[in-house]
């Protein structure tokens, strides 16, 4: 349950910072821009082979996704559950280090 508590803390942080919630000023487009920024930081950490920065970037990406889900009116958990339901029975194969789904 530690992760669930952390998700709740992130949600509250977003409200406290005026990102989400009734008085939140963040936009869907703004969060998507932030997501791209954080993914680029993960890419740079990969290039630099910096394990700590990879961890930080993945965490930052997750924070952005949690807040983005709030902005679009659903929960992060709902998004994750929906994705898992789609992928859970997916078939495919690994090609060049990437899972390629069957058509």
PDB file of N, CA and C in Angstrom:
ATOM      1  N   UNK A   1       0.808  -1.215   0.000  1.00  0.00           N
ATOM      2  CA  UNK A   1       0.000   0.000   0.000  1.00  0.00           C
ATOM      3  C   UNK A   1       0.842   1.267   0.000  1.00  0.00           C
ATOM      4  N   UNK A   2       2.154   1.117   0.100  1.00  0.00           N
ATOM      5  CA  UNK A   2       3.019   2.289   0.085  1.00  0.00           C
ATOM      6  C   UNK A   2       2.833   3.081  -1.204  1.00  0.00           C
ATOM      7  N   UNK A   3       2.763   2.377  -2.350  1.00  0.00           N
ATOM      8  CA  UNK A   3       2.606   3.069  -3.622  1.00  0.00           C
ATOM      9  C   UNK A   3       1.288   3.824  -3.697  1.00  0.00           C
ATOM     10  N   UNK A   4       0.215   3.245  -3.195  1.00  0.00           N
ATOM     11  CA  UNK A   4      -1.075   3.929  -3.209  1.00  0.00           C
ATOM     12  C   UNK A   4      -1.000   5.205  -2.382  1.00  0.00           C
ATOM     13  N   UNK A   5      -0.329   5.132  -1.234  1.00  0.00           N
ATOM     14  CA  UNK A   5      -0.166   6.317  -0.405  1.00  0.00           C
ATOM     15  C   UNK A   5       0.635   7.377  -1.152  1.00  0.00           C
ATOM     16  N   UNK A   6       1.671   6.958  -1.871  1.00  0.00           N
ATOM     17  CA  UNK A   6       2.481   7.905  -2.636  1.00  0.00           C
ATOM     18  C   UNK A   6       1.653   8.560  -3.727  1.00  0.00           C
ATOM     19  N   UNK A   7       0.800   7.799  -4.397  1.00  0.00           N
ATOM     20  CA  UNK A   7      -0.070   8.378  -5.419  1.00  0.00           C
ATOM     21  C   UNK A   7      -0.977   9.432  -4.804  1.00  0.00           C
ATOM     22  N   UNK A   8      -1.524   9.142  -3.629  1.00  0.00           N
ATOM     23  CA  UNK A   8      -2.372  10.125  -2.941  1.00  0.00           C
ATOM     24  C   UNK A   8      -1.576  11.369  -2.560  1.00  0.00           C
ATOM     25  N   UNK A   9      -0.338  11.182  -2.118  1.00  0.00           N
ATOM     26  CA  UNK A   9       0.520  12.326  -1.780  1.00  0.00           C
ATOM     27  C   UNK A   9       0.806  13.179  -3.011  1.00  0.00           C
ATOM     28  N   UNK A  10       1.026  12.536  -4.157  1.00  0.00           N
ATOM     29  CA  UNK A  10       1.245  13.274  -5.405  1.00  0.00           C
ATOM     30  C   UNK A  10      -0.008  14.053  -5.770  1.00  0.00           C
ATOM     31  N   UNK A  11      -1.159  13.430  -5.643  1.00  0.00           N
ATOM     32  CA  UNK A  11      -2.419  14.136  -5.937  1.00  0.00           C
ATOM     33  C   UNK A  11      -2.562  15.379  -5.054  1.00  0.00           C
ATOM     34  N   UNK A  12      -2.288  15.210  -3.764  1.00  0.00           N
ATOM     35  CA  UNK A  12      -2.406  16.346  -2.843  1.00  0.00           C
ATOM     36  C   UNK A  12      -1.385  17.419  -3.170  1.00  0.00           C
ATOM     37  N   UNK A  13      -0.177  17.010  -3.538  1.00  0.00           N
ATOM     38  CA  UNK A  13       0.863  17.961  -3.944  1.00  0.00           C
ATOM     39  C   UNK A  13       0.378  18.777  -5.139  1.00  0.00           C
ATOM     40  N   UNK A  14      -0.254  18.100  -6.118  1.00  0.00           N
ATOM     41  CA  UNK A  14      -0.775  18.796  -7.292  1.00  0.00           C
ATOM     42  C   UNK A  14      -1.826  19.835  -6.928  1.00  0.00           C
ATOM     43  N   UNK A  15      -2.671  19.495  -5.979  1.00  0.00           N
ATOM     44  CA  UNK A  15      -3.678  20.449  -5.498  1.00  0.00           C
ATOM     45  C   UNK A  15      -3.007  21.597  -4.765  1.00  0.00           C
ATOM     46  N   UNK A  16      -2.088  21.265  -3.869  1.00  0.00           N
ATOM     47  CA  UNK A  16      -1.401  22.282  -3.074  1.00  0.00           C
ATOM     48  C   UNK A  16      -0.630  23.271  -3.943  1.00  0.00           C
ATOM     49  N   UNK A  17      -0.090  22.792  -5.040  1.00  0.00           N
ATOM     50  CA  UNK A  17       0.709  23.647  -5.936  1.00  0.00           C
ATOM     51  C   UNK A  17      -0.146  24.353  -6.984  1.00  0.00           C
ATOM     52  N   UNK A  18      -1.451  24.116  -6.973  1.00  0.00           N
ATOM     53  CA  UNK A  18      -2.339  24.775  -7.926  1.00  0.00           C
ATOM     54  C   UNK A  18      -2.258  24.187  -9.324  1.00  0.00           C
ATOM     55  N   UNK A  19      -1.781  22.954  -9.418  1.00  0.00           N
ATOM     56  CA  UNK A  19      -1.692  22.282 -10.707  1.00  0.00           C
ATOM     57  C   UNK A  19      -3.038  21.662 -11.050  1.00  0.00           C
ATOM     58  N   UNK A  20      -3.612  20.936 -10.100  1.00  0.00           N
ATOM     59  CA  UNK A  20      -4.891  20.248 -10.295  1.00  0.00           C
ATOM     60  C   UNK A  20      -5.885  20.716  -9.240  1.00  0.00           C
ATOM     61  N   UNK A  21      -7.029  20.100  -9.250  1.00  0.00           N
ATOM     62  CA  UNK A  21      -8.040  20.449  -8.260  1.00  0.00           C
ATOM     63  C   UNK A  21      -8.915  21.592  -8.731  1.00  0.00           C
ATOM     64  N   UNK A  22      -9.790  21.998  -7.844  1.00  0.00           N
ATOM     65  CA  UNK A  22     -10.781  23.035  -8.174  1.00  0.00           C
ATOM     66  C   UNK A  22     -10.140  24.333  -8.661  1.00  0.00           C
ATOM     67  N   UNK A  23      -8.996  24.675  -8.093  1.00  0.00           N
ATOM     68  CA  UNK A  23      -8.334  25.927  -8.467  1.00  0.00           C
ATOM     69  C   UNK A  23      -7.084  25.675  -9.304  1.00  0.00           C
ATOM     70  N   UNK A  24      -6.936  24.462  -9.785  1.00  0.00           N
ATOM     71  CA  UNK A  24      -5.762  24.114 -10.576  1.00  0.00           C
ATOM     72  C   UNK A  24      -5.733  24.833 -11.913  1.00  0.00           C
ATOM     73  N   UNK A  25      -4.552  25.260 -12.287  1.00  0.00           N
ATOM     74  CA  UNK A  25      -4.405  26.036 -13.507  1.00  0.00           C
ATOM     75  C   UNK A  25      -3.674  25.284 -14.619  1.00  0.00           C
ATOM     76  N   UNK A  26      -3.259  24.052 -14.347  1.00  0.00           N
ATOM     77  CA  UNK A  26      -2.566  23.285 -15.383  1.00  0.00           C
ATOM     78  C   UNK A  26      -3.546  22.875 -16.469  1.00  0.00           C
ATOM     79  N   UNK A  27      -3.022  22.755 -17.666  1.00  0.00           N
ATOM     80  CA  UNK A  27      -3.832  22.323 -18.797  1.00  0.00           C
ATOM     81  C   UNK A  27      -3.336  20.964 -19.287  1.00  0.00           C
ATOM     82  N   UNK A  28      -4.196  20.310 -20.026  1.00  0.00           N
ATOM     83  CA  UNK A  28      -3.817  19.029 -20.629  1.00  0.00           C
ATOM     84  C   UNK A  28      -2.588  19.217 -21.514  1.00  0.00           C
ATOM     85  N   UNK A  29      -2.607  20.259 -22.356  1.00  0.00           N
ATOM     86  CA  UNK A  29      -1.473  20.525 -23.244  1.00  0.00           C
ATOM     87  C   UNK A  29      -0.201  20.829 -22.442  1.00  0.00           C
ATOM     88  N   UNK A  30      -0.346  21.586 -21.381  1.00  0.00           N
ATOM     89  CA  UNK A  30       0.809  21.898 -20.544  1.00  0.00           C
ATOM     90  C   UNK A  30       1.425  20.657 -19.925  1.00  0.00           C
ATOM     91  N   UNK A  31       0.580  19.744 -19.467  1.00  0.00           N
ATOM     92  CA  UNK A  31       1.092  18.509 -18.872  1.00  0.00           C
ATOM     93  C   UNK A  31       1.723  17.614 -19.933  1.00  0.00           C
ATOM     94  N   UNK A  32       1.178  17.616 -21.147  1.00  0.00           N
ATOM     95  CA  UNK A  32       1.790  16.842 -22.222  1.00  0.00           C
ATOM     96  C   UNK A  32       3.168  17.397 -22.569  1.00  0.00           C
ATOM     97  N   UNK A  33       3.294  18.706 -22.565  1.00  0.00           N
ATOM     98  CA  UNK A  33       4.595  19.333 -22.794  1.00  0.00           C
ATOM     99  C   UNK A  33       5.570  18.949 -21.687  1.00  0.00           C
ATOM    100  N   UNK A  34       5.098  18.968 -20.457  1.00  0.00           N
ATOM    101  CA  UNK A  34       5.928  18.570 -19.315  1.00  0.00           C
ATOM    102  C   UNK A  34       6.331  17.099 -19.440  1.00  0.00           C
ATOM    103  N   UNK A  35       5.419  16.258 -19.892  1.00  0.00           N
ATOM    104  CA  UNK A  35       5.712  14.838 -20.072  1.00  0.00           C
ATOM    105  C   UNK A  35       6.846  14.640 -21.077  1.00  0.00           C
ATOM    106  N   UNK A  36       6.798  15.349 -22.187  1.00  0.00           N
ATOM    107  CA  UNK A  36       7.854  15.253 -23.192  1.00  0.00           C
ATOM    108  C   UNK A  36       9.192  15.706 -22.603  1.00  0.00           C
ATOM    109  N   UNK A  37       9.166  16.770 -21.818  1.00  0.00           N
ATOM    110  CA  UNK A  37      10.380  17.254 -21.154  1.00  0.00           C
ATOM    111  C   UNK A  37      10.977  16.168 -20.251  1.00  0.00           C
ATOM    112  N   UNK A  38      10.122  15.528 -19.480  1.00  0.00           N
ATOM    113  CA  UNK A  38      10.601  14.491 -18.559  1.00  0.00           C
ATOM    114  C   UNK A  38      11.095  13.257 -19.309  1.00  0.00           C
ATOM    115  N   UNK A  39      10.430  12.889 -20.408  1.00  0.00           N
ATOM    116  CA  UNK A  39      10.889  11.755 -21.219  1.00  0.00           C
ATOM    117  C   UNK A  39      12.254  12.080 -21.826  1.00  0.00           C
ATOM    118  N   UNK A  40      12.447  13.309 -22.255  1.00  0.00           N
ATOM    119  CA  UNK A  40      13.755  13.711 -22.772  1.00  0.00           C
ATOM    120  C   UNK A  40      14.838  13.626 -21.696  1.00  0.00           C
ATOM    121  N   UNK A  41      14.485  13.938 -20.453  1.00  0.00           N
ATOM    122  CA  UNK A  41      15.442  13.792 -19.356  1.00  0.00           C
ATOM    123  C   UNK A  41      15.796  12.322 -19.139  1.00  0.00           C
ATOM    124  N   UNK A  42      14.812  11.437 -19.287  1.00  0.00           N
ATOM    125  CA  UNK A  42      15.079  10.002 -19.184  1.00  0.00           C
ATOM    126  C   UNK A  42      16.003   9.551 -20.314  1.00  0.00           C
ATOM    127  N   UNK A  43      15.754  10.033 -21.502  1.00  0.00           N
ATOM    128  CA  UNK A  43      16.612   9.708 -22.636  1.00  0.00           C
ATOM    129  C   UNK A  43      18.042  10.178 -22.378  1.00  0.00           C
ATOM    130  N   UNK A  44      18.204  11.382 -21.857  1.00  0.00           N
ATOM    131  CA  UNK A  44      19.540  11.897 -21.558  1.00  0.00           C
ATOM    132  C   UNK A  44      20.217  11.062 -20.478  1.00  0.00           C
ATOM    133  N   UNK A  45      19.459  10.655 -19.478  1.00  0.00           N
ATOM    134  CA  UNK A  45      20.017   9.786 -18.428  1.00  0.00           C
ATOM    135  C   UNK A  45      20.473   8.463 -19.023  1.00  0.00           C
ATOM    136  N   UNK A  46      19.726   7.956 -19.992  1.00  0.00           N
ATOM    137  CA  UNK A  46      20.110   6.722 -20.691  1.00  0.00           C
ATOM    138  C   UNK A  46      21.402   6.930 -21.460  1.00  0.00           C
ATOM    139  N   UNK A  47      21.501   8.033 -22.180  1.00  0.00           N
ATOM    140  CA  UNK A  47      22.707   8.362 -22.944  1.00  0.00           C
ATOM    141  C   UNK A  47      23.906   8.480 -22.013  1.00  0.00           C
ATOM    142  N   UNK A  48      23.690   9.131 -20.864  1.00  0.00           N
ATOM    143  CA  UNK A  48      24.764   9.333 -19.881  1.00  0.00           C
ATOM    144  C   UNK A  48      25.009   8.100 -19.023  1.00  0.00           C
ATOM    145  N   UNK A  49      24.178   7.081 -19.165  1.00  0.00           N
ATOM    146  CA  UNK A  49      24.235   5.878 -18.333  1.00  0.00           C
ATOM    147  C   UNK A  49      24.237   6.249 -16.846  1.00  0.00           C
ATOM    148  N   UNK A  50      23.315   7.163 -16.483  1.00  0.00           N
ATOM    149  CA  UNK A  50      23.215   7.654 -15.110  1.00  0.00           C
ATOM    150  C   UNK A  50      21.988   7.023 -14.449  1.00  0.00           C
ATOM    151  N   UNK A  51      22.240   5.984 -13.663  1.00  0.00           N
ATOM    152  CA  UNK A  51      21.159   5.213 -13.050  1.00  0.00           C
ATOM    153  C   UNK A  51      20.274   6.073 -12.153  1.00  0.00           C
ATOM    154  N   UNK A  52      20.865   6.924 -11.335  1.00  0.00           N
ATOM    155  CA  UNK A  52      20.086   7.758 -10.411  1.00  0.00           C
ATOM    156  C   UNK A  52      19.181   8.719 -11.174  1.00  0.00           C
ATOM    157  N   UNK A  53      19.686   9.280 -12.253  1.00  0.00           N
ATOM    158  CA  UNK A  53      18.868  10.192 -13.059  1.00  0.00           C
ATOM    159  C   UNK A  53      17.755   9.446 -13.798  1.00  0.00           C
ATOM    160  N   UNK A  54      18.008   8.197 -14.175  1.00  0.00           N
ATOM    161  CA  UNK A  54      16.946   7.386 -14.779  1.00  0.00           C
ATOM    162  C   UNK A  54      15.810   7.202 -13.777  1.00  0.00           C
ATOM    163  N   UNK A  55      16.154   6.865 -12.544  1.00  0.00           N
ATOM    164  CA  UNK A  55      15.146   6.679 -11.489  1.00  0.00           C
ATOM    165  C   UNK A  55      14.361   7.966 -11.277  1.00  0.00           C
ATOM    166  N   UNK A  56      15.064   9.087 -11.191  1.00  0.00           N
ATOM    167  CA  UNK A  56      14.413  10.380 -10.989  1.00  0.00           C
ATOM    168  C   UNK A  56      13.475  10.700 -12.152  1.00  0.00           C
ATOM    169  N   UNK A  57      13.941  10.461 -13.365  1.00  0.00           N
ATOM    170  CA  UNK A  57      13.123  10.786 -14.542  1.00  0.00           C
ATOM    171  C   UNK A  57      11.871   9.909 -14.607  1.00  0.00           C
ATOM    172  N   UNK A  58      12.017   8.626 -14.310  1.00  0.00           N
ATOM    173  CA  UNK A  58      10.836   7.745 -14.312  1.00  0.00           C
ATOM    174  C   UNK A  58       9.844   8.204 -13.252  1.00  0.00           C
ATOM    175  N   UNK A  59      10.329   8.588 -12.090  1.00  0.00           N
ATOM    176  CA  UNK A  59       9.450   9.119 -11.047  1.00  0.00           C
ATOM    177  C   UNK A  59       8.748  10.386 -11.496  1.00  0.00           C
ATOM    178  N   UNK A  60       9.507  11.302 -12.120  1.00  0.00           N
ATOM    179  CA  UNK A  60       8.916  12.549 -12.607  1.00  0.00           C
ATOM    180  C   UNK A  60       7.859  12.287 -13.682  1.00  0.00           C
ATOM    181  N   UNK A  61       8.132  11.344 -14.571  1.00  0.00           N
ATOM    182  CA  UNK A  61       7.162  10.975 -15.605  1.00  0.00           C
ATOM    183  C   UNK A  61       5.884  10.468 -14.949  1.00  0.00           C
ATOM    184  N   UNK A  62       6.034   9.648 -13.921  1.00  0.00           N
ATOM    185  CA  UNK A  62       4.866   9.102 -13.232  1.00  0.00           C
ATOM    186  C   UNK A  62       4.059  10.208 -12.562  1.00  0.00           C
ATOM    187  N   UNK A  63       4.745  11.167 -11.940  1.00  0.00           N
ATOM    188  CA  UNK A  63       4.049  12.304 -11.321  1.00  0.00           C
ATOM    189  C   UNK A  63       3.230  13.040 -12.376  1.00  0.00           C
ATOM    190  N   UNK A  64       3.845  13.325 -13.517  1.00  0.00           N
ATOM    191  CA  UNK A  64       3.133  14.036 -14.579  1.00  0.00           C
ATOM    192  C   UNK A  64       1.911  13.238 -15.029  1.00  0.00           C
ATOM    193  N   UNK A  65       2.059  11.917 -15.176  1.00  0.00           N
ATOM    194  CA  UNK A  65       0.929  11.094 -15.613  1.00  0.00           C
ATOM    195  C   UNK A  65      -0.182  11.057 -14.568  1.00  0.00           C
ATOM    196  N   UNK A  66       0.179  11.010 -13.297  1.00  0.00           N
ATOM    197  CA  UNK A  66      -0.835  11.038 -12.237  1.00  0.00           C
ATOM    198  C   UNK A  66      -1.629  12.339 -12.319  1.00  0.00           C
ATOM    199  N   UNK A  67      -0.926  13.455 -12.464  1.00  0.00           N
ATOM    200  CA  UNK A  67      -1.600  14.754 -12.514  1.00  0.00           C
ATOM    201  C   UNK A  67      -2.379  14.927 -13.821  1.00  0.00           C
ATOM    202  N   UNK A  68      -1.838  14.436 -14.928  1.00  0.00           N
ATOM    203  CA  UNK A  68      -2.545  14.516 -16.198  1.00  0.00           C
ATOM    204  C   UNK A  68      -3.852  13.735 -16.145  1.00  0.00           C
ATOM    205  N   UNK A  69      -3.817  12.572 -15.518  1.00  0.00           N
ATOM    206  CA  UNK A  69      -5.052  11.797 -15.415  1.00  0.00           C
ATOM    207  C   UNK A  69      -6.104  12.561 -14.613  1.00  0.00           C
ATOM    208  N   UNK A  70      -5.673  13.264 -13.574  1.00  0.00           N
ATOM    209  CA  UNK A  70      -6.610  14.086 -12.793  1.00  0.00           C
ATOM    210  C   UNK A  70      -7.207  15.189 -13.668  1.00  0.00           C
ATOM    211  N   UNK A  71      -6.376  15.805 -14.481  1.00  0.00           N
ATOM    212  CA  UNK A  71      -6.831  16.902 -15.339  1.00  0.00           C
ATOM    213  C   UNK A  71      -7.876  16.421 -16.343  1.00  0.00           C
ATOM    214  N   UNK A  72      -7.697  15.202 -16.878  1.00  0.00           N
ATOM    215  CA  UNK A  72      -8.667  14.721 -17.870  1.00  0.00           C
ATOM    216  C   UNK A  72      -9.865  14.041 -17.231  1.00  0.00           C
ATOM    217  N   UNK A  73      -9.860  13.949 -15.897  1.00  0.00           N
ATOM    218  CA  UNK A  73     -11.051  13.493 -15.191  1.00  0.00           C
ATOM    219  C   UNK A  73     -11.129  12.014 -14.893  1.00  0.00           C
ATOM    220  N   UNK A  74      -9.997  11.365 -14.766  1.00  0.00           N
ATOM    221  CA  UNK A  74     -10.007   9.969 -14.348  1.00  0.00           C
ATOM    222  C   UNK A  74      -8.822   9.747 -13.412  1.00  0.00           C
ATOM    223  N   UNK A  75      -8.762   8.582 -12.839  1.00  0.00           N
ATOM    224  CA  UNK A  75      -7.652   8.322 -11.920  1.00  0.00           C
ATOM    225  C   UNK A  75      -6.514   7.621 -12.651  1.00  0.00           C
ATOM    226  N   UNK A  76      -5.316   7.805 -12.146  1.00  0.00           N
ATOM    227  CA  UNK A  76      -4.137   7.116 -12.661  1.00  0.00           C
ATOM    228  C   UNK A  76      -4.353   5.607 -12.607  1.00  0.00           C
ATOM    229  N   UNK A  77      -4.938   5.143 -11.509  1.00  0.00           N
ATOM    230  CA  UNK A  77      -5.201   3.713 -11.347  1.00  0.00           C
ATOM    231  C   UNK A  77      -6.144   3.200 -12.436  1.00  0.00           C
ATOM    232  N   UNK A  78      -7.170   3.994 -12.764  1.00  0.00           N
ATOM    233  CA  UNK A  78      -8.103   3.604 -13.823  1.00  0.00           C
ATOM    234  C   UNK A  78      -7.378   3.490 -15.161  1.00  0.00           C
ATOM    235  N   UNK A  79      -6.500   4.443 -15.442  1.00  0.00           N
ATOM    236  CA  UNK A  79      -5.728   4.400 -16.688  1.00  0.00           C
ATOM    237  C   UNK A  79      -4.837   3.162 -16.727  1.00  0.00           C
ATOM    238  N   UNK A  80      -4.169   2.880 -15.619  1.00  0.00           N
ATOM    239  CA  UNK A  80      -3.279   1.725 -15.551  1.00  0.00           C
ATOM    240  C   UNK A  80      -4.061   0.427 -15.688  1.00  0.00           C
ATOM    241  N   UNK A  81      -5.187   0.334 -14.990  1.00  0.00           N
ATOM    242  CA  UNK A  81      -6.023  -0.864 -15.082  1.00  0.00           C
ATOM    243  C   UNK A  81      -6.532  -1.078 -16.507  1.00  0.00           C
ATOM    244  N   UNK A  82      -6.940   0.000 -17.154  1.00  0.00           N
ATOM    245  CA  UNK A  82      -7.432  -0.084 -18.535  1.00  0.00           C
ATOM    246  C   UNK A  82      -6.330  -0.589 -19.457  1.00  0.00           C
ATOM    247  N   UNK A  83      -5.149  -0.045 -19.308  1.00  0.00           N
ATOM    248  CA  UNK A  83      -4.020  -0.481 -20.144  1.00  0.00           C
ATOM    249  C   UNK A  83      -3.693  -1.943 -19.881  1.00  0.00           C
ATOM    250  N   UNK A  84      -3.702  -2.338 -18.621  1.00  0.00           N
ATOM    251  CA  UNK A  84      -3.374  -3.724 -18.309  1.00  0.00           C
ATOM    252  C   UNK A  84      -4.398  -4.686 -18.907  1.00  0.00           C
ATOM    253  N   UNK A  85      -5.663  -4.316 -18.850  1.00  0.00           N
ATOM    254  CA  UNK A  85      -6.702  -5.181 -19.434  1.00  0.00           C
ATOM    255  C   UNK A  85      -6.462  -5.383 -20.928  1.00  0.00           C
ATOM    256  N   UNK A  86      -5.951  -4.367 -21.586  1.00  0.00           N
ATOM    257  CA  UNK A  86      -5.671  -4.465 -23.017  1.00  0.00           C
ATOM    258  C   UNK A  86      -4.442  -5.339 -23.268  1.00  0.00           C
ATOM    259  N   UNK A  87      -3.382  -5.138 -22.491  1.00  0.00           N
ATOM    260  CA  UNK A  87      -2.133  -5.856 -22.762  1.00  0.00           C
ATOM    261  C   UNK A  87      -2.082  -7.253 -22.173  1.00  0.00           C
ATOM    262  N   UNK A  88      -2.929  -7.554 -21.196  1.00  0.00           N
ATOM    263  CA  UNK A  88      -2.803  -8.812 -20.457  1.00  0.00           C
ATOM    264  C   UNK A  88      -2.934 -10.044 -21.337  1.00  0.00           C
ATOM    265  N   UNK A  89      -3.706  -9.964 -22.384  1.00  0.00           N
ATOM    266  CA  UNK A  89      -3.883 -11.106 -23.281  1.00  0.00           C
ATOM    267  C   UNK A  89      -3.218 -10.899 -24.638  1.00  0.00           C
ATOM    268  N   UNK A  90      -2.414  -9.862 -24.718  1.00  0.00           N
ATOM    269  CA  UNK A  90      -1.765  -9.530 -25.986  1.00  0.00           C
ATOM    270  C   UNK A  90      -0.682 -10.556 -26.295  1.00  0.00           C
ATOM    271  N   UNK A  91      -0.587 -10.899 -27.548  1.00  0.00           N
ATOM    272  CA  UNK A  91       0.483 -11.786 -27.993  1.00  0.00           C
ATOM    273  C   UNK A  91       1.419 -11.009 -28.898  1.00  0.00           C
ATOM    274  N   UNK A  92       2.625 -11.511 -29.011  1.00  0.00           N
ATOM    275  CA  UNK A  92       3.620 -10.855 -29.840  1.00  0.00           C
ATOM    276  C   UNK A  92       4.977 -11.474 -29.601  1.00  0.00           C
ATOM    277  N   UNK A  93       5.994 -10.751 -30.014  1.00  0.00           N
ATOM    278  CA  UNK A  93       7.352 -11.261 -29.846  1.00  0.00           C
ATOM    279  C   UNK A  93       8.320 -10.099 -29.662  1.00  0.00           C
ATOM    280  N   UNK A  94       9.469 -10.435 -29.120  1.00  0.00           N
ATOM    281  CA  UNK A  94      10.527  -9.448 -28.938  1.00  0.00           C
ATOM    282  C   UNK A  94      11.307  -9.314 -30.241  1.00  0.00           C
ATOM    283  N   UNK A  95      11.470  -8.074 -30.696  1.00  0.00           N
ATOM    284  CA  UNK A  95      12.239  -7.781 -31.899  1.00  0.00           C
ATOM    285  C   UNK A  95      13.156  -6.606 -31.584  1.00  0.00           C
ATOM    286  N   UNK A  96      14.447  -6.860 -31.575  1.00  0.00           N
ATOM    287  CA  UNK A  96      15.406  -5.779 -31.331  1.00  0.00           C
ATOM    288  C   UNK A  96      15.221  -5.078 -30.006  1.00  0.00           C
ATOM    289  N   UNK A  97      14.833  -5.842 -28.988  1.00  0.00           N
ATOM    290  CA  UNK A  97      14.668  -5.266 -27.659  1.00  0.00           C
ATOM    291  C   UNK A  97      13.329  -4.596 -27.424  1.00  0.00           C
ATOM    292  N   UNK A  98      12.401  -4.746 -28.363  1.00  0.00           N
ATOM    293  CA  UNK A  98      11.067  -4.135 -28.247  1.00  0.00           C
ATOM    294  C   UNK A  98      10.018  -5.219 -28.448  1.00  0.00           C
ATOM    295  N   UNK A  99       8.984  -5.232 -27.584  1.00  0.00           N
ATOM    296  CA  UNK A  99       7.872  -6.147 -27.755  1.00  0.00           C
ATOM    297  C   UNK A  99       7.001  -5.631 -28.890  1.00  0.00           C
ATOM    298  N   UNK A 100       6.832  -6.441 -29.921  1.00  0.00           N
ATOM    299  CA  UNK A 100       5.996  -6.089 -31.069  1.00  0.00           C
ATOM    300  C   UNK A 100       4.757  -6.964 -31.009  1.00  0.00           C
ATOM    301  N   UNK A 101       3.590  -6.324 -30.870  1.00  0.00           N
ATOM    302  CA  UNK A 101       2.346  -7.087 -30.732  1.00  0.00           C
ATOM    303  C   UNK A 101       1.951  -7.699 -32.063  1.00  0.00           C
ATOM    304  N   UNK A 102       1.297  -8.850 -31.967  1.00  0.00           N
ATOM    305  CA  UNK A 102       0.735  -9.481 -33.151  1.00  0.00           C
ATOM    306  C   UNK A 102      -0.422  -8.645 -33.663  1.00  0.00           C
ATOM    307  N   UNK A 103      -0.604  -8.663 -34.951  1.00  0.00           N
ATOM    308  CA  UNK A 103      -1.692  -7.867 -35.555  1.00  0.00           C
ATOM    309  C   UNK A 103      -3.017  -8.560 -35.420  1.00  0.00           C
TER     310      UNK A 103
END
